[in-house]
Amino acid sequence: MKSNTKWVAINCLVAVTIFAVSCTTVYVEDVEDDENETSPWETMDTDVPKRLRDGWGDCFSNIFMVGDSGTIIRYDGETWEEMDSSTSERLYGIWGSSCNDIFSVGQDGSIVHYDGNAWSSMVSGTNMSLFDVWGTSSFNLFAVGWHGTILHYDGTTWTPMSSGTVVPLYGIWGSSSSDIFVVGNWGTILHYDGNSWTEMEIDTKALLRGIWGASSEDVFVVGYDGTILHYDGDIWSEMLSNTTEHLFSIWGDSSLDIFIVGHGGTIQQYSSGTWTSIYSGVSLNLKSVIGNAPHGIFAIGYGAILHLIEGTHN
């Protein structure tokens, strides 16, 4: 079953509404499949010859995206601008508490911070690669990464936490400072209650990559081989995804309107209790999906930024 969501391709120098991102090469075209189906996603062009891996857009008109070789680009509602990140390390994840307080994490323990004027490097205290970052405020952040690494930031210093595992950890999300979830390899899901991390019971060994929730009793996780899991506040259960592609990232603007992106241009949308495939028009890996109220939804990855036209998804 195909969604009637409409995506189209646009240039990164123009305004956008909903995006799927993957920047190295860009294709500006209406792409049709074998059945002459037009993609509802629009592909944006950028002058940045680097792979993008994540984005953050909860900052009014500003959208930030990060990627290889320390790449950080910003969209201000009119144009894309490449920023000086103060690092050449690969950046995997980004999160901010405000437009003037944004953190990005990456390769070999690299962490950079934006204060509204410039990016500067922080001391992480680890050489383990960090894959994601999330927090509740500027003085309560968590970064996760290789070999079970979890770091906590109290507004002054990053310090290691005991995760109880050595598997790579790829994604983090929480509903509050005492209700945080982390996902990783071998079906690992950890939960933090404000005091300690414990491993949750889950019936899968899939590599889990992304997590998002509408509330503490409505949490979604995605991973390899089309894995989608849902938590109702009591147990984790597997959902029918209608794909076997690796899924990398998930984001929603409500529990009734959620997007997933993944391998080979895969896009899935959750609406009315069902996951359906959306034709993206690209075969590139899409690594992240984010939303921004003024500009819509972005999907981010290797070779394109995709934009979903306002009013064409439901």
Protein backbone atom coordinates (compact mmCIF):
# COMPACT_ATOMS: atom_id res chain seq x y z
CA MET A 1 0.00 0.00 0.00
CA LYS A 2 1.43 3.35 -1.04
CA SER A 3 0.86 6.57 0.83
CA ASN A 4 -0.38 9.59 -1.10
CA THR A 5 2.19 11.75 0.66
CA LYS A 6 3.81 14.01 -1.90
CA TRP A 7 7.56 14.77 -1.95
CA VAL A 8 9.43 16.87 -4.51
CA ALA A 9 13.06 17.89 -5.10
CA ILE A 10 14.30 21.43 -4.41
CA ASN A 11 17.56 23.34 -4.12
CA CYS A 12 19.09 23.73 -0.63
CA LEU A 13 19.08 27.48 -1.15
CA VAL A 14 15.30 27.74 -1.01
CA ALA A 15 12.72 27.34 1.72
CA VAL A 16 11.56 23.88 2.64
CA THR A 17 8.89 22.16 4.61
CA ILE A 18 9.69 18.46 5.20
CA PHE A 19 13.07 17.00 4.43
CA ALA A 20 14.95 13.74 4.04
CA VAL A 21 18.68 14.43 3.98
CA SER A 22 21.71 12.89 2.31
CA CYS A 23 24.25 15.30 0.87
CA THR A 24 27.17 14.60 -1.43
CA THR A 25 25.57 14.80 -4.83
CA VAL A 26 22.13 16.15 -5.55
CA TYR A 27 19.56 15.31 -8.16
CA VAL A 28 16.96 17.93 -8.99
CA GLU A 29 14.27 16.07 -10.84
CA ASP A 30 10.83 14.57 -10.66
CA VAL A 31 11.66 10.89 -10.38
CA GLU A 32 9.16 8.26 -11.39
CA ASP A 33 9.19 4.54 -10.75
CA ASP A 34 8.39 1.73 -13.18
CA GLU A 35 4.72 2.59 -12.85
CA ASN A 36 5.40 6.26 -13.61
CA GLU A 37 4.79 7.15 -9.99
CA THR A 38 5.97 10.64 -9.09
CA SER A 39 7.85 10.95 -5.81
CA PRO A 40 6.25 13.30 -3.28
CA TRP A 41 9.77 14.14 -2.02
CA GLU A 42 11.79 16.98 -3.49
CA THR A 43 15.57 16.59 -3.68
CA MET A 44 17.60 19.59 -2.54
CA ASP A 45 21.03 20.58 -3.81
CA THR A 46 23.91 21.75 -1.62
CA ASP A 47 27.46 22.83 -2.34
CA VAL A 48 28.74 20.62 0.50
CA PRO A 49 30.58 17.58 -0.94
CA LYS A 50 30.27 15.62 2.31
CA ARG A 51 27.92 12.98 3.64
CA LEU A 52 25.36 14.27 6.11
CA ARG A 53 24.35 12.01 9.01
CA ASP A 54 21.97 13.84 11.34
CA GLY A 55 20.04 17.03 11.84
CA TRP A 56 18.27 19.10 14.47
CA GLY A 57 15.52 21.59 13.76
CA ASP A 58 13.77 22.62 16.97
CA CYS A 59 14.99 26.18 16.63
CA PHE A 60 12.40 28.37 14.88
CA SER A 61 13.78 29.18 11.42
CA ASN A 62 17.17 27.50 11.95
CA ILE A 63 17.94 23.93 10.91
CA PHE A 64 21.36 22.37 11.52
CA MET A 65 22.82 19.29 9.83
CA VAL A 66 26.09 17.50 10.59
CA GLY A 67 28.26 14.97 8.80
CA ASP A 68 31.67 13.84 7.65
CA SER A 69 34.89 15.83 8.09
CA GLY A 70 33.34 18.10 10.71
CA THR A 71 30.65 19.33 8.33
CA ILE A 72 27.91 21.50 9.83
CA ILE A 73 25.43 23.37 7.64
CA ARG A 74 22.65 25.70 8.73
CA TYR A 75 19.41 26.70 7.02
CA ASP A 76 18.00 30.08 8.10
CA GLY A 77 14.75 29.93 6.17
CA GLU A 78 16.27 31.29 2.96
CA THR A 79 19.76 29.88 2.37
CA TRP A 80 22.08 27.06 3.46
CA GLU A 81 25.38 28.10 5.04
CA GLU A 82 28.39 25.92 5.85
CA MET A 83 29.69 26.70 9.34
CA ASP A 84 33.13 26.42 10.92
CA SER A 85 32.67 23.46 13.27
CA SER A 86 36.12 23.68 14.93
CA THR A 87 36.72 20.00 14.14
CA SER A 88 37.56 17.77 11.19
CA GLU A 89 36.16 14.66 12.85
CA ARG A 90 33.07 12.91 11.50
CA LEU A 91 29.95 14.11 13.33
CA TYR A 92 27.16 11.60 13.89
CA GLY A 93 24.57 13.27 16.11
CA ILE A 94 23.21 16.69 17.08
CA TRP A 95 20.80 18.07 19.70
CA GLY A 96 20.14 21.45 21.24
CA SER A 97 18.28 22.96 24.16
CA SER A 98 17.88 26.25 22.28
CA CYS A 99 19.17 28.13 19.22
CA ASN A 100 22.14 29.28 21.31
CA ASP A 101 22.95 25.97 22.97
CA ILE A 102 23.57 23.11 20.51
CA PHE A 103 25.79 20.05 20.86
CA SER A 104 27.15 17.68 18.20
CA VAL A 105 29.00 14.41 18.87
CA GLY A 106 31.16 12.23 16.69
CA GLN A 107 34.23 10.22 15.91
CA ASP A 108 36.85 9.42 18.56
CA GLY A 109 34.91 11.13 21.34
CA SER A 110 34.63 14.49 19.61
CA ILE A 111 32.02 16.94 20.95
CA VAL A 112 31.45 20.48 19.71
CA HIS A 113 29.17 23.17 21.14
CA TYR A 114 27.43 26.16 19.55
CA ASP A 115 26.71 29.22 21.71
CA GLY A 116 24.81 31.19 19.09
CA ASN A 117 27.95 32.76 17.68
CA ALA A 118 30.53 30.02 17.07
CA TRP A 119 31.24 26.32 17.44
CA SER A 120 33.97 25.24 19.86
CA SER A 121 35.41 21.87 20.86
CA MET A 122 34.64 20.33 24.26
CA VAL A 123 36.60 17.83 26.35
CA SER A 124 34.65 14.56 26.38
CA GLY A 125 37.11 12.48 28.39
CA THR A 126 36.81 9.55 25.98
CA ASN A 127 38.24 8.44 22.64
CA MET A 128 35.22 6.23 21.91
CA SER A 129 33.13 7.38 18.96
CA LEU A 130 29.83 8.94 19.99
CA PHE A 131 26.78 8.34 17.79
CA ASP A 132 23.94 10.31 19.35
CA VAL A 133 23.19 13.01 21.91
CA TRP A 134 20.00 14.08 23.69
CA GLY A 135 19.06 16.03 26.77
CA THR A 136 16.40 17.78 28.80
CA SER A 137 18.28 21.05 29.29
CA SER A 138 21.64 22.75 28.83
CA PHE A 139 22.87 21.16 32.07
CA ASN A 140 21.46 17.64 31.62
CA LEU A 141 22.68 15.93 28.45
CA PHE A 142 23.58 12.37 27.53
CA ALA A 143 25.81 11.11 24.72
CA VAL A 144 26.01 7.46 23.66
CA GLY A 145 28.47 5.53 21.54
CA TRP A 146 30.95 2.75 21.00
CA HIS A 147 31.64 -0.03 23.53
CA GLY A 148 28.61 0.80 25.67
CA THR A 149 29.75 4.39 26.24
CA ILE A 150 27.30 6.75 27.94
CA LEU A 151 28.41 10.23 28.99
CA HIS A 152 26.51 12.76 31.10
CA TYR A 153 26.93 16.54 30.93
CA ASP A 154 25.97 18.66 33.94
CA GLY A 155 26.53 22.03 32.31
CA THR A 156 30.24 22.00 33.15
CA THR A 157 31.81 18.58 32.62
CA TRP A 158 31.19 15.41 30.63
CA THR A 159 31.52 12.33 32.86
CA PRO A 160 31.16 8.60 32.07
CA MET A 161 28.20 6.57 33.34
CA SER A 162 27.99 2.83 33.91
CA SER A 163 25.83 1.38 31.13
CA GLY A 164 26.24 -2.28 32.06
CA THR A 165 27.02 -3.24 28.46
CA VAL A 166 29.87 -3.15 25.95
CA VAL A 167 27.76 -3.21 22.77
CA PRO A 168 27.71 -0.13 20.53
CA LEU A 169 24.88 2.26 21.41
CA TYR A 170 23.39 4.24 18.53
CA GLY A 171 20.31 6.17 19.59
CA ILE A 172 18.85 7.96 22.61
CA TRP A 173 15.50 9.57 23.47
CA GLY A 174 13.62 10.34 26.65
CA SER A 175 10.34 11.74 27.92
CA SER A 176 12.00 13.27 31.01
CA SER A 177 15.23 13.24 33.02
CA SER A 178 14.08 10.06 34.76
CA ASP A 179 12.72 8.23 31.73
CA ILE A 180 15.40 7.80 29.05
CA PHE A 181 15.88 5.03 26.50
CA VAL A 182 19.04 4.02 24.62
CA VAL A 183 19.21 1.50 21.75
CA GLY A 184 22.12 -0.44 20.26
CA ASN A 185 23.45 -3.64 18.78
CA TRP A 186 22.11 -7.16 19.48
CA GLY A 187 18.63 -5.90 20.33
CA THR A 188 19.91 -3.84 23.24
CA ILE A 189 17.53 -1.36 24.85
CA LEU A 190 18.60 0.38 28.06
CA HIS A 191 16.40 2.45 30.37
CA TYR A 192 17.44 5.18 32.80
CA ASP A 193 15.17 5.95 35.77
CA GLY A 194 17.13 8.93 37.03
CA ASN A 195 19.49 6.79 39.09
CA SER A 196 20.87 3.93 36.98
CA TRP A 197 20.75 2.22 33.60
CA THR A 198 19.12 -1.22 33.27
CA GLU A 199 18.64 -3.46 30.25
CA MET A 200 15.05 -4.04 29.15
CA GLU A 201 13.60 -7.36 28.05
CA ILE A 202 13.13 -7.55 24.30
CA ASP A 203 12.64 -10.48 21.94
CA THR A 204 15.02 -9.48 19.12
CA LYS A 205 18.72 -9.55 18.33
CA ALA A 206 18.46 -6.96 15.57
CA LEU A 207 20.83 -4.00 15.41
CA LEU A 208 18.70 -1.09 16.66
CA ARG A 209 19.56 2.36 15.31
CA GLY A 210 16.88 4.96 16.01
CA ILE A 211 14.34 5.84 18.69
CA TRP A 212 11.54 8.39 19.11
CA GLY A 213 8.54 8.63 21.37
CA ALA A 214 5.33 10.58 21.72
CA SER A 215 5.27 9.84 25.46
CA SER A 216 6.70 7.44 28.04
CA GLU A 217 4.00 4.95 27.05
CA ASP A 218 4.29 5.37 23.30
CA VAL A 219 7.89 4.77 22.15
CA PHE A 220 9.11 3.51 18.76
CA VAL A 221 12.46 1.93 17.84
CA VAL A 222 13.80 1.07 14.37
CA GLY A 223 16.66 -1.11 13.21
CA TYR A 224 18.09 -3.49 10.67
CA ASP A 225 16.07 -5.86 8.46
CA GLY A 226 12.96 -3.70 8.68
CA THR A 227 12.71 -3.95 12.47
CA ILE A 228 10.14 -1.66 14.13
CA LEU A 229 9.39 -2.04 17.85
CA HIS A 230 6.78 -0.31 20.00
CA TYR A 231 6.70 0.19 23.77
CA ASP A 232 3.38 0.79 25.52
CA GLY A 233 4.83 1.54 28.94
CA ASP A 234 4.78 -2.13 29.88
CA ILE A 235 6.20 -4.36 27.12
CA TRP A 236 8.01 -4.08 23.80
CA SER A 237 6.29 -5.63 20.78
CA GLU A 238 7.28 -5.94 17.12
CA MET A 239 5.30 -4.08 14.46
CA LEU A 240 4.74 -5.04 10.82
CA SER A 241 6.96 -2.75 8.76
CA ASN A 242 6.31 -4.06 5.23
CA THR A 243 10.05 -3.81 4.43
CA THR A 244 13.25 -5.79 5.01
CA GLU A 245 15.52 -2.79 4.43
CA HIS A 246 17.72 -1.48 7.26
CA LEU A 247 15.95 1.38 9.05
CA PHE A 248 18.11 4.13 10.56
CA SER A 249 15.99 6.92 12.00
CA ILE A 250 12.48 7.78 13.17
CA TRP A 251 10.70 11.07 13.94
CA GLY A 252 7.12 12.16 14.44
CA ASP A 253 5.07 15.25 15.12
CA SER A 254 2.50 13.13 16.96
CA SER A 255 1.81 9.47 17.72
CA LEU A 256 -0.42 9.40 14.63
CA ASP A 257 2.02 10.88 12.10
CA ILE A 258 5.51 9.32 12.16
CA PHE A 259 8.25 8.93 9.54
CA ILE A 260 11.08 6.40 9.22
CA VAL A 261 14.03 6.53 6.79
CA GLY A 262 16.57 3.90 5.88
CA HIS A 263 18.67 2.00 3.38
CA GLY A 264 18.21 2.53 -0.35
CA GLY A 265 15.96 5.58 -0.04
CA THR A 266 13.44 3.76 2.15
CA ILE A 267 10.75 5.95 3.71
CA GLN A 268 7.88 4.64 5.83
CA GLN A 269 4.99 6.63 7.25
CA TYR A 270 2.78 5.64 10.19
CA SER A 271 -0.78 6.84 9.98
CA SER A 272 -4.08 5.41 11.20
CA GLY A 273 -2.31 2.52 12.88
CA THR A 274 -0.49 1.27 9.77
CA TRP A 275 3.02 1.61 8.33
CA THR A 276 3.05 2.31 4.59
CA SER A 277 5.90 2.81 2.10
CA ILE A 278 6.43 6.19 0.49
CA TYR A 279 8.27 6.40 -2.82
CA SER A 280 11.29 8.64 -2.18
CA GLY A 281 12.58 8.89 -5.74
CA VAL A 282 16.14 8.06 -4.68
CA SER A 283 18.10 4.87 -3.99
CA LEU A 284 20.55 6.56 -1.61
CA ASN A 285 20.83 5.69 2.07
CA LEU A 286 18.81 8.11 4.22
CA LYS A 287 20.38 8.33 7.68
CA SER A 288 18.11 10.66 9.63
CA VAL A 289 14.69 12.30 9.57
CA ILE A 290 13.78 15.47 11.47
CA GLY A 291 10.99 18.02 11.58
CA ASN A 292 10.82 21.79 11.93
CA ALA A 293 7.57 23.65 12.49
CA PRO A 294 8.17 26.54 10.05
CA HIS A 295 9.79 24.41 7.34
CA GLY A 296 8.50 20.87 7.67
CA ILE A 297 10.27 17.49 7.54
CA PHE A 298 13.79 16.65 6.34
CA ALA A 299 15.28 13.25 5.56
CA ILE A 300 19.09 13.22 5.73
CA GLY A 301 21.70 10.89 4.32
CA TYR A 302 24.13 9.99 1.54
CA GLY A 303 23.60 12.05 -1.59
CA ALA A 304 20.43 14.10 -1.14
CA ILE A 305 18.27 16.27 1.07
CA LEU A 306 14.61 15.44 0.53
CA HIS A 307 11.75 17.79 1.27
CA LEU A 308 8.12 16.90 1.80
CA ILE A 309 5.81 19.55 0.42
CA GLU A 310 3.55 21.27 2.92
CA GLY A 311 0.06 19.88 3.03
CA THR A 312 0.83 16.75 1.02
CA HIS A 313 1.29 14.26 3.86
CA ASN A 314 -1.39 12.80 6.07
